[in-house]
Amino acid sequence: MAAETPLFSQAQTLENDEAVREVREIMALRARGSAPMALVRTYGCQQNVSDSEKIKGFLAQMGFSFTEDEEDADFILFNTCAVREHAEDRVFGNVGALKNVKRRHSSTLIAVCGCMMEEEKAAERIRSVFPFVGLVFGTHVIHRFPQLLLRALTEEKRVFERGDDSEDREIAEGLPVRRDGAVKAWLTVMYGCNNFCSYCIVPYVRGRERSREPQAILEEFRGLVRDGYKDITLLGQNVNSYGKTLRTPVSFARLLRMLDEIDGDYRIRFMTSHPKDLTKELIDTIAAGRHISHHLHLPFQSGNNRVLKEMNRGYTREQYLDLIQYAKEKITDLSLTSDVIVGFPGESYEEFLDTVDLIRRVEFTSLFTFIYSPRTGTRAAGLPDPIPAEEKSKWLRELCAEQEKIAAARCASSVGTVQRVLVEEKNPKTGLLTGRTDGNIIVDFAGDPAFIGSFAEVRITSARNWILGGELA
């Protein structure tokens, strides 16, 4: 039987509360303006966005207001992503640019956190190359952020903190959250990953799987519905394996059914979903749900079995296609999106063409496509990789061209239909309202801004590759 996941202790809560009070007092005196200002910049996935919302919740408790201007900020935090090399290079470049900000405003505290800081090499580079960064912490200690910030403000040395094995297993409930919007919300249901795909750094920087208790998730979800959020996305590195670490295991399908029973006008989404753990029970739950979106993000990464085995994905091309066929039979208006890696070490052009063939068979609404990026510490980083980058880029263009044709045809098939669209904002350039269908496709249409934050029935009148145009029905 799996051990029960420990919660944030009362002693830790009291330590945070005391740190919040002390930071508030310090920043009231230290701020350059009438109130301390914080800039939080997030790189990477939705889980990073969710983490940043918790950090901003703490900062709000400490009396901070928020800015997007580095010149106005008393505290600057970059929350980083380690999934691809390009993302890390962007972070290092942008952190380096803060040197001049620190020179002009010596009292500004600069911090870096997130997945990159769980990589020893990246954290050491921050330590040695960027001496003006005063606070560095990893993904496992976000719940102690007030204490870390207090140390950075009061100690004469720089603060570097990463999680240990005990914190890796800990889930802190009841943290404050300052959400970025009023229409869409992220709700984490589990942390970490046990899959160890050969190309992926996530299990090393996010740790092993830990699931939140269902009652804690239900309580947070009910609060979001009460607060008027209409699009609630459940987050996890692999939501399909939710519940395995609980004392009383609960499947992800069961969790979805419990959430779907809550009264209200809302839509449930979830990501990311791993094919090897996707069950027919989950597909049936989506089909029968009242509020569950008919959009499934199911990364397949490669359409070739040899490459899938090298990736340690745990399924075959045939198994993936069988799941898709079952899902399409049960959910006739299903919208499918996926992730694809092009140019995995040792992949041949013929094997790449198996991926192109798979996207033709499935007919995805859209794809997130990437050229393979080696991550130090993963098994794939040590594999021979003879294909030059220029050739991989050519393959990527070929794949994207094929997907554009598929997406255009799928969108064109929506013309003339009436879609239930969640209106999210007004486009300042076009003056049109922008929202998303149940299948997560963007729709632009003319209408009263009073529709923002609510559902509208929209007749689709035009289609581009992955954006629809319409009019109120």
Protein backbone atom coordinates (compact mmCIF):
# COMPACT_ATOMS: atom_id res chain seq x y z
CA MET A 1 0.00 0.00 0.00
CA ALA A 2 1.36 3.41 -0.96
CA ALA A 3 2.28 5.79 1.82
CA GLU A 4 -0.11 8.66 2.48
CA THR A 5 1.11 11.94 1.04
CA PRO A 6 2.05 14.31 3.91
CA LEU A 7 0.54 17.79 3.94
CA PHE A 8 2.02 21.16 4.81
CA SER A 9 2.57 21.08 8.58
CA GLN A 10 1.19 23.65 11.03
CA ALA A 11 4.75 24.54 12.08
CA GLN A 12 5.67 25.29 8.46
CA THR A 13 2.54 27.41 8.07
CA LEU A 14 3.47 29.44 11.17
CA GLU A 15 7.03 29.92 9.86
CA ASN A 16 5.64 31.18 6.56
CA ASP A 17 3.19 33.51 8.31
CA GLU A 18 6.00 35.03 10.36
CA ALA A 19 8.18 35.41 7.26
CA VAL A 20 5.31 37.11 5.39
CA ARG A 21 4.94 39.67 8.19
CA GLU A 22 8.67 40.38 8.32
CA VAL A 23 9.03 40.74 4.55
CA ARG A 24 6.04 43.09 4.48
CA GLU A 25 7.71 45.32 7.09
CA ILE A 26 11.09 45.26 5.33
CA MET A 27 9.65 46.01 1.89
CA ALA A 28 7.50 48.86 3.23
CA LEU A 29 10.77 50.63 4.08
CA ARG A 30 12.81 49.35 1.13
CA ALA A 31 10.36 49.98 -1.73
CA ARG A 32 11.25 52.76 -4.14
CA GLY A 33 7.61 53.73 -4.58
CA SER A 34 4.57 53.92 -2.36
CA ALA A 35 4.31 50.11 -2.40
CA PRO A 36 6.83 47.37 -3.30
CA MET A 37 6.53 46.17 -6.89
CA ALA A 38 7.21 42.63 -8.15
CA LEU A 39 7.76 41.32 -11.67
CA VAL A 40 7.25 37.56 -12.15
CA ARG A 41 8.13 36.19 -15.58
CA THR A 42 7.23 32.60 -16.40
CA TYR A 43 8.83 30.30 -18.96
CA GLY A 44 7.56 26.87 -20.00
CA CYS A 45 4.49 24.80 -19.34
CA GLN A 46 1.17 25.36 -17.61
CA GLN A 47 2.56 23.80 -14.42
CA ASN A 48 5.12 26.60 -14.29
CA VAL A 49 2.31 29.11 -14.76
CA SER A 50 0.46 27.50 -11.86
CA ASP A 51 3.60 27.63 -9.69
CA SER A 52 4.04 31.32 -10.50
CA GLU A 53 0.46 32.00 -9.45
CA LYS A 54 1.26 30.53 -6.03
CA ILE A 55 4.40 32.64 -5.73
CA LYS A 56 2.39 35.73 -6.67
CA GLY A 57 -0.14 34.74 -4.02
CA PHE A 58 2.61 34.89 -1.40
CA LEU A 59 3.91 38.18 -2.80
CA ALA A 60 0.45 39.73 -2.59
CA GLN A 61 0.28 38.68 1.07
CA MET A 62 3.59 40.47 1.59
CA GLY A 63 2.17 43.72 0.26
CA PHE A 64 3.58 43.60 -3.27
CA SER A 65 1.82 45.02 -6.28
CA PHE A 66 2.77 43.78 -9.73
CA THR A 67 4.40 45.30 -12.78
CA GLU A 68 5.71 44.19 -16.17
CA ASP A 69 8.35 46.94 -16.23
CA GLU A 70 11.75 45.84 -14.96
CA GLU A 71 12.65 49.45 -14.14
CA ASP A 72 9.78 49.71 -11.63
CA ALA A 73 10.33 46.38 -9.90
CA ASP A 74 11.77 46.03 -6.40
CA PHE A 75 11.75 42.24 -6.87
CA ILE A 76 12.26 40.39 -10.16
CA LEU A 77 11.69 36.62 -10.43
CA PHE A 78 12.22 34.38 -13.46
CA ASN A 79 10.44 31.00 -13.20
CA THR A 80 12.34 28.75 -15.60
CA CYS A 81 11.81 25.75 -17.88
CA ALA A 82 14.34 22.96 -18.51
CA VAL A 83 12.53 20.92 -21.15
CA ARG A 84 14.51 22.23 -24.13
CA GLU A 85 17.91 23.80 -24.61
CA HIS A 86 16.41 26.81 -26.40
CA ALA A 87 14.30 27.61 -23.34
CA GLU A 88 17.37 27.54 -21.10
CA ASP A 89 19.37 29.74 -23.47
CA ARG A 90 16.55 32.31 -23.44
CA VAL A 91 16.58 32.38 -19.66
CA PHE A 92 20.33 32.87 -19.40
CA GLY A 93 20.18 35.65 -21.99
CA ASN A 94 17.32 37.42 -20.23
CA VAL A 95 18.91 37.03 -16.79
CA GLY A 96 22.13 38.51 -18.16
CA ALA A 97 20.20 41.55 -19.39
CA LEU A 98 19.15 42.27 -15.78
CA LYS A 99 22.72 43.23 -14.92
CA ASN A 100 22.05 46.77 -16.13
CA VAL A 101 18.79 46.93 -14.15
CA LYS A 102 20.69 45.96 -11.01
CA ARG A 103 23.32 48.59 -11.78
CA ARG A 104 20.67 51.30 -12.04
CA HIS A 105 18.65 50.09 -9.06
CA SER A 106 20.98 48.43 -6.59
CA SER A 107 18.19 47.64 -4.12
CA THR A 108 16.29 45.47 -6.62
CA LEU A 109 16.41 41.80 -5.60
CA ILE A 110 16.72 39.42 -8.54
CA ALA A 111 15.70 35.77 -8.22
CA VAL A 112 15.57 32.68 -10.44
CA CYS A 113 13.50 29.59 -9.67
CA GLY A 114 11.84 26.63 -11.38
CA CYS A 115 12.92 23.50 -13.22
CA MET A 116 16.29 24.80 -14.44
CA MET A 117 17.34 25.45 -10.87
CA GLU A 118 16.85 21.76 -10.04
CA GLU A 119 19.66 21.07 -12.52
CA GLU A 120 22.95 21.39 -10.66
CA LYS A 121 24.79 22.58 -13.76
CA ALA A 122 22.29 25.38 -14.47
CA ALA A 123 22.16 26.48 -10.84
CA GLU A 124 25.95 26.58 -10.70
CA ARG A 125 26.08 28.70 -13.84
CA ILE A 126 23.75 31.22 -12.19
CA ARG A 127 25.99 31.20 -9.13
CA SER A 128 29.23 31.75 -11.03
CA VAL A 129 28.23 33.90 -14.04
CA PHE A 130 25.45 36.08 -12.60
CA PRO A 131 26.58 37.37 -9.18
CA PHE A 132 23.75 39.95 -9.10
CA VAL A 133 21.16 37.14 -8.69
CA GLY A 134 20.48 37.02 -4.97
CA LEU A 135 17.96 34.17 -4.66
CA VAL A 136 17.79 30.81 -6.42
CA PHE A 137 15.38 27.99 -5.57
CA GLY A 138 13.94 24.86 -7.15
CA THR A 139 10.51 23.41 -7.76
CA HIS A 140 10.24 21.47 -4.49
CA VAL A 141 10.53 24.40 -2.09
CA ILE A 142 7.95 26.85 -3.47
CA HIS A 143 5.89 26.31 -0.30
CA ARG A 144 8.78 27.89 1.68
CA PHE A 145 9.12 30.91 -0.61
CA PRO A 146 8.37 33.54 2.11
CA GLN A 147 11.15 32.14 4.28
CA LEU A 148 13.60 32.08 1.36
CA LEU A 149 12.75 35.65 0.37
CA LEU A 150 13.22 36.80 3.97
CA ARG A 151 16.67 35.20 4.08
CA ALA A 152 17.63 36.85 0.79
CA LEU A 153 16.58 40.25 2.17
CA THR A 154 18.27 39.91 5.57
CA GLU A 155 21.34 37.73 5.11
CA GLU A 156 24.53 39.12 3.64
CA LYS A 157 25.07 36.11 1.39
CA ARG A 158 23.17 34.86 -1.63
CA VAL A 159 20.52 32.20 -1.02
CA PHE A 160 20.51 28.94 -3.01
CA GLU A 161 17.91 26.31 -2.08
CA ARG A 162 16.86 23.08 -3.76
CA GLY A 163 14.56 20.33 -2.51
CA ASP A 164 15.66 17.16 -0.77
CA ASP A 165 14.04 13.73 -0.82
CA SER A 166 11.56 14.51 1.95
CA GLU A 167 10.31 17.71 0.31
CA ASP A 168 10.13 15.85 -2.99
CA ARG A 169 7.35 13.73 -1.46
CA GLU A 170 5.55 16.58 0.25
CA ILE A 171 2.43 18.28 -1.03
CA ALA A 172 1.65 21.65 0.50
CA GLU A 173 -2.06 22.43 0.57
CA GLY A 174 -3.62 25.79 1.33
CA LEU A 175 -1.03 27.97 -0.41
CA PRO A 176 -2.28 31.40 -1.54
CA VAL A 177 -2.91 31.82 -5.25
CA ARG A 178 -3.10 35.01 -7.30
CA ARG A 179 -4.52 33.86 -10.63
CA ASP A 180 -3.62 35.61 -13.85
CA GLY A 181 -7.15 35.81 -15.22
CA ALA A 182 -10.81 35.58 -14.28
CA VAL A 183 -12.03 33.18 -16.97
CA LYS A 184 -9.51 30.32 -17.15
CA ALA A 185 -7.84 28.60 -14.20
CA TRP A 186 -5.18 25.95 -13.66
CA LEU A 187 -5.69 23.30 -10.99
CA THR A 188 -2.83 20.92 -10.22
CA VAL A 189 -3.99 17.40 -9.33
CA MET A 190 -0.57 15.74 -9.13
CA TYR A 191 3.14 16.48 -9.27
CA GLY A 192 6.11 14.68 -10.75
CA CYS A 193 6.51 11.81 -13.19
CA ASN A 194 7.61 8.16 -13.01
CA ASN A 195 7.94 7.49 -16.74
CA PHE A 196 11.56 8.47 -17.45
CA CYS A 197 11.15 8.87 -21.19
CA SER A 198 14.72 8.71 -22.48
CA TYR A 199 14.70 12.31 -23.80
CA CYS A 200 12.93 13.98 -20.88
CA ILE A 201 14.39 15.86 -17.91
CA VAL A 202 11.06 16.28 -16.07
CA PRO A 203 11.37 13.35 -13.59
CA TYR A 204 14.78 14.69 -12.55
CA VAL A 205 13.60 18.26 -11.93
CA ARG A 206 9.99 17.64 -10.82
CA GLY A 207 10.56 14.41 -8.91
CA ARG A 208 8.45 11.28 -8.64
CA GLU A 209 4.67 11.18 -8.86
CA ARG A 210 2.68 12.53 -5.91
CA SER A 211 -1.10 12.87 -6.12
CA ARG A 212 -3.21 15.34 -4.19
CA GLU A 213 -6.06 13.99 -2.10
CA PRO A 214 -9.40 14.06 -3.98
CA GLN A 215 -11.11 16.11 -1.28
CA ALA A 216 -8.49 18.86 -1.55
CA ILE A 217 -8.97 18.96 -5.32
CA LEU A 218 -12.76 19.01 -4.99
CA GLU A 219 -12.61 21.87 -2.49
CA GLU A 220 -10.36 23.97 -4.74
CA PHE A 221 -12.49 23.15 -7.78
CA ARG A 222 -15.73 24.20 -6.05
CA GLY A 223 -14.06 27.48 -5.10
CA LEU A 224 -13.12 28.14 -8.72
CA VAL A 225 -16.66 27.46 -9.89
CA ARG A 226 -18.04 29.77 -7.18
CA ASP A 227 -15.61 32.47 -8.26
CA GLY A 228 -16.93 32.31 -11.82
CA TYR A 229 -14.11 30.48 -13.63
CA LYS A 230 -15.48 28.85 -16.76
CA ASP A 231 -12.50 26.91 -18.14
CA ILE A 232 -10.68 24.83 -15.52
CA THR A 233 -7.67 22.77 -16.61
CA LEU A 234 -6.46 19.91 -14.42
CA LEU A 235 -2.66 19.69 -14.48
CA GLY A 236 -0.16 16.91 -14.02
CA GLN A 237 2.92 15.64 -15.81
CA ASN A 238 0.85 12.50 -16.47
CA VAL A 239 -2.73 12.97 -15.27
CA ASN A 240 -3.68 9.46 -16.40
CA SER A 241 -1.65 7.97 -13.55
CA TYR A 242 -3.33 10.17 -10.95
CA GLY A 243 -4.16 8.50 -7.65
CA LYS A 244 -1.61 5.69 -7.58
CA THR A 245 0.29 7.20 -4.62
CA LEU A 246 -2.81 7.70 -2.47
CA ARG A 247 -3.52 5.42 0.49
CA THR A 248 -6.84 4.61 -1.17
CA PRO A 249 -6.13 4.73 -4.92
CA VAL A 250 -8.53 6.77 -7.05
CA SER A 251 -8.36 6.62 -10.84
CA PHE A 252 -8.23 9.78 -12.89
CA ALA A 253 -11.49 8.76 -14.54
CA ARG A 254 -13.13 8.56 -11.09
CA LEU A 255 -11.75 11.98 -10.15
CA LEU A 256 -13.16 13.45 -13.38
CA ARG A 257 -16.59 12.00 -12.62
CA MET A 258 -16.56 13.51 -9.12
CA LEU A 259 -15.67 16.95 -10.50
CA ASP A 260 -18.20 16.66 -13.32
CA GLU A 261 -20.99 16.17 -10.76
CA ILE A 262 -20.45 19.66 -9.30
CA ASP A 263 -23.20 22.06 -10.34
CA GLY A 264 -22.27 25.09 -12.41
CA ASP A 265 -21.63 26.44 -15.90
CA TYR A 266 -18.04 25.50 -16.65
CA ARG A 267 -15.79 23.35 -18.79
CA ILE A 268 -13.15 20.84 -17.60
CA ARG A 269 -9.93 20.25 -19.50
CA PHE A 270 -6.83 18.28 -18.49
CA MET A 271 -3.22 17.79 -19.53
CA THR A 272 -0.90 16.12 -20.06
CA SER A 273 -2.28 12.68 -20.86
CA HIS A 274 0.10 9.76 -21.48
CA PRO A 275 -1.02 7.17 -24.08
CA LYS A 276 0.29 4.17 -22.13
CA ASP A 277 -2.01 5.02 -19.19
CA LEU A 278 -5.06 6.16 -21.16
CA THR A 279 -7.90 3.77 -20.36
CA LYS A 280 -11.18 3.09 -22.11
CA GLU A 281 -12.80 3.99 -18.79
CA LEU A 282 -11.38 7.50 -19.12
CA ILE A 283 -12.57 7.82 -22.72
CA ASP A 284 -16.04 6.64 -21.68
CA THR A 285 -16.02 9.18 -18.84
CA ILE A 286 -15.26 12.02 -21.27
CA ALA A 287 -18.03 10.83 -23.60
CA ALA A 288 -20.61 10.69 -20.79
CA GLY A 289 -19.56 13.89 -19.02
CA ARG A 290 -21.68 17.02 -18.70
CA HIS A 291 -18.78 19.47 -18.40
CA ILE A 292 -15.75 17.56 -19.73
CA SER A 293 -14.27 19.04 -22.90
CA HIS A 294 -14.22 16.88 -26.02
CA HIS A 295 -10.62 17.88 -26.55
CA LEU A 296 -7.87 15.36 -25.82
CA HIS A 297 -4.19 16.29 -25.81
CA LEU A 298 -2.41 12.95 -26.26
CA PRO A 299 1.30 13.26 -27.12
CA PHE A 300 2.52 10.45 -29.39
CA GLN A 301 6.04 11.90 -30.03
CA SER A 302 6.85 9.47 -32.89
CA GLY A 303 4.95 7.26 -35.30
CA ASN A 304 7.71 4.65 -35.53
CA ASN A 305 7.86 1.68 -33.15
CA ARG A 306 11.65 1.46 -32.98
CA VAL A 307 11.92 5.14 -32.11
CA LEU A 308 9.09 4.84 -29.56
CA LYS A 309 11.00 2.00 -27.88
CA GLU A 310 14.19 4.08 -27.81
CA MET A 311 12.16 6.91 -26.30
CA ASN A 312 10.89 4.51 -23.58
CA ARG A 313 7.31 5.57 -24.27
CA GLY A 314 5.69 2.26 -23.29
CA TYR A 315 3.29 1.85 -26.23
CA THR A 316 3.40 1.06 -29.93
CA ARG A 317 2.11 2.90 -32.95
CA GLU A 318 -0.66 0.30 -33.29
CA GLN A 319 -1.76 0.71 -29.65
CA TYR A 320 -1.90 4.48 -30.07
CA LEU A 321 -4.02 4.23 -33.22
CA ASP A 322 -6.35 1.71 -31.53
CA LEU A 323 -6.92 4.19 -28.67
CA ILE A 324 -7.65 6.97 -31.16
CA GLN A 325 -10.13 4.79 -33.04
CA TYR A 326 -11.96 3.90 -29.82
CA ALA A 327 -12.02 7.54 -28.71
CA LYS A 328 -13.40 8.73 -32.07
CA GLU A 329 -16.13 6.06 -31.95
CA LYS A 330 -17.21 7.14 -28.47
CA ILE A 331 -16.75 10.92 -28.96
CA THR A 332 -17.76 11.77 -32.51
CA ASP A 333 -16.79 15.47 -32.24
CA LEU A 334 -13.44 14.76 -30.58
CA SER A 335 -10.67 17.31 -31.14
CA LEU A 336 -7.18 15.80 -30.86
CA THR A 337 -3.88 17.59 -30.33
CA SER A 338 -0.45 16.15 -29.69
CA ASP A 339 3.29 16.67 -29.24
CA VAL A 340 5.85 15.46 -31.78
CA ILE A 341 9.64 15.23 -31.59
CA VAL A 342 11.45 15.33 -34.93
CA GLY A 343 15.01 14.05 -35.30
CA PHE A 344 15.34 11.84 -32.22
CA PRO A 345 18.90 10.42 -32.07
CA GLY A 346 19.29 7.70 -34.67
CA GLU A 347 15.95 8.38 -36.36
CA SER A 348 16.07 7.85 -40.14
CA TYR A 349 14.05 9.73 -42.73
CA GLU A 350 12.01 6.59 -43.39
CA GLU A 351 11.16 6.37 -39.68
CA PHE A 352 10.25 10.04 -39.67
CA LEU A 353 7.82 9.35 -42.54
CA ASP A 354 5.98 6.95 -40.21
CA THR A 355 5.25 10.00 -38.06
CA VAL A 356 3.92 11.92 -41.06
CA ASP A 357 1.75 8.93 -41.94
CA LEU A 358 0.35 8.80 -38.40
CA ILE A 359 -0.74 12.44 -38.43
CA ARG A 360 -2.53 11.81 -41.73
CA ARG A 361 -4.38 8.86 -40.19
CA VAL A 362 -5.36 10.66 -36.97
CA GLU A 363 -6.09 14.11 -38.45
CA PHE A 364 -5.08 16.21 -35.46
CA THR A 365 -6.60 19.62 -34.89
CA SER A 366 -3.12 20.97 -34.13
CA LEU A 367 0.36 19.81 -33.13
CA PHE A 368 3.15 21.09 -30.94
CA THR A 369 6.25 20.16 -32.93
CA PHE A 370 9.87 20.24 -31.76
CA ILE A 371 13.28 19.27 -33.01
CA TYR A 372 14.94 16.92 -30.52
CA SER A 373 16.85 18.82 -27.84
CA PRO A 374 19.45 16.86 -25.81
CA ARG A 375 19.09 17.15 -22.02
CA THR A 376 22.16 16.36 -19.94
CA GLY A 377 21.43 13.49 -17.57
CA THR A 378 18.90 11.74 -19.78
CA ARG A 379 19.68 8.45 -21.55
CA ALA A 380 19.00 9.87 -25.02
CA ALA A 381 21.70 12.53 -24.56
CA GLY A 382 24.32 9.79 -24.88
CA LEU A 383 22.93 8.21 -28.06
CA PRO A 384 24.61 8.70 -31.45
CA ASP A 385 22.92 11.52 -33.35
CA PRO A 386 24.33 11.63 -36.90
CA ILE A 387 21.58 13.64 -38.65
CA PRO A 388 22.61 17.32 -39.01
CA ALA A 389 20.38 20.05 -37.61
CA GLU A 390 19.72 21.44 -41.09
CA GLU A 391 18.24 18.11 -42.19
CA LYS A 392 16.06 17.88 -39.07
CA SER A 393 14.77 21.37 -39.75
CA LYS A 394 13.82 20.27 -43.26
CA TRP A 395 11.89 17.32 -41.82
CA LEU A 396 10.10 19.62 -39.39
CA ARG A 397 9.01 21.93 -42.20
CA GLU A 398 7.70 18.92 -44.13
CA LEU A 399 5.71 17.73 -41.12
CA CYS A 400 4.29 21.18 -40.40
CA ALA A 401 3.23 21.64 -44.02
CA GLU A 402 1.31 18.37 -43.86
CA GLN A 403 -0.32 19.33 -40.56
CA GLU A 404 -1.35 22.73 -41.94
CA LYS A 405 -3.29 21.01 -44.71
CA ILE A 406 -5.01 18.75 -42.19
CA ALA A 407 -5.83 21.63 -39.84
CA ALA A 408 -7.19 23.74 -42.69
CA ALA A 409 -9.49 20.93 -43.81
CA ARG A 410 -10.70 20.28 -40.25
CA CYS A 411 -11.43 23.95 -39.65
CA ALA A 412 -13.18 24.28 -43.01
CA SER A 413 -15.52 21.44 -42.01
CA SER A 414 -16.74 23.61 -39.12
CA VAL A 415 -18.08 26.34 -41.40
CA GLY A 416 -21.86 26.53 -41.07
CA THR A 417 -21.98 24.84 -37.67
CA VAL A 418 -22.94 26.56 -34.41
CA GLN A 419 -20.31 26.25 -31.68
CA ARG A 420 -20.50 26.99 -27.97
CA VAL A 421 -17.62 29.40 -27.45
CA LEU A 422 -16.15 30.59 -24.17
CA VAL A 423 -15.41 34.28 -24.77
CA GLU A 424 -12.03 35.16 -23.27
CA GLU A 425 -11.09 38.67 -24.41
CA LYS A 426 -11.37 41.45 -26.95
CA ASN A 427 -8.59 41.60 -29.52
CA PRO A 428 -7.21 45.17 -29.27
CA LYS A 429 -5.97 45.07 -32.87
CA THR A 430 -9.11 43.84 -34.60
CA GLY A 431 -11.77 44.84 -32.07
CA LEU A 432 -13.23 41.33 -32.34
CA LEU A 433 -14.07 39.08 -29.42
CA THR A 434 -11.90 35.98 -29.10
CA GLY A 435 -12.83 32.68 -27.52
CA ARG A 436 -12.42 28.92 -27.79
CA THR A 437 -14.71 26.09 -28.75
CA ASP A 438 -15.13 22.95 -26.69
CA GLY A 439 -12.49 21.45 -29.01
CA ASN A 440 -10.05 24.23 -28.03
CA ILE A 441 -10.15 25.98 -31.42
CA ILE A 442 -9.89 29.79 -31.46
CA VAL A 443 -12.90 31.71 -32.78
CA ASP A 444 -13.00 35.45 -33.60
CA PHE A 445 -16.35 37.23 -33.93
CA ALA A 446 -17.97 40.63 -33.48
CA GLY A 447 -19.93 41.18 -30.30
CA ASP A 448 -20.49 43.11 -27.10
CA PRO A 449 -17.55 42.93 -24.64
CA ALA A 450 -20.14 42.06 -22.01
CA PHE A 451 -19.90 38.49 -23.37
CA ILE A 452 -16.33 38.18 -22.01
CA GLY A 453 -16.24 35.51 -19.33
CA SER A 454 -19.36 33.72 -20.53
CA PHE A 455 -20.39 31.18 -23.16
CA ALA A 456 -21.87 32.32 -26.48
CA GLU A 457 -23.44 30.44 -29.37
CA VAL A 458 -21.44 31.35 -32.48
CA ARG A 459 -22.16 30.36 -36.07
CA ILE A 460 -18.90 29.65 -37.92
CA THR A 461 -18.66 31.60 -41.17
CA SER A 462 -14.99 31.28 -42.18
CA ALA A 463 -11.90 29.22 -41.45
CA ARG A 464 -8.17 29.60 -41.58
CA ASN A 465 -5.60 26.94 -40.67
CA TRP A 466 -6.38 26.86 -36.96
CA ILE A 467 -8.59 29.92 -36.35
CA LEU A 468 -12.29 30.22 -37.08
CA GLY A 469 -14.36 33.32 -37.81
CA GLY A 470 -17.99 33.61 -36.88
CA GLU A 471 -21.02 35.60 -35.87
CA LEU A 472 -23.37 35.39 -32.92
CA ALA A 473 -26.04 32.79 -33.66
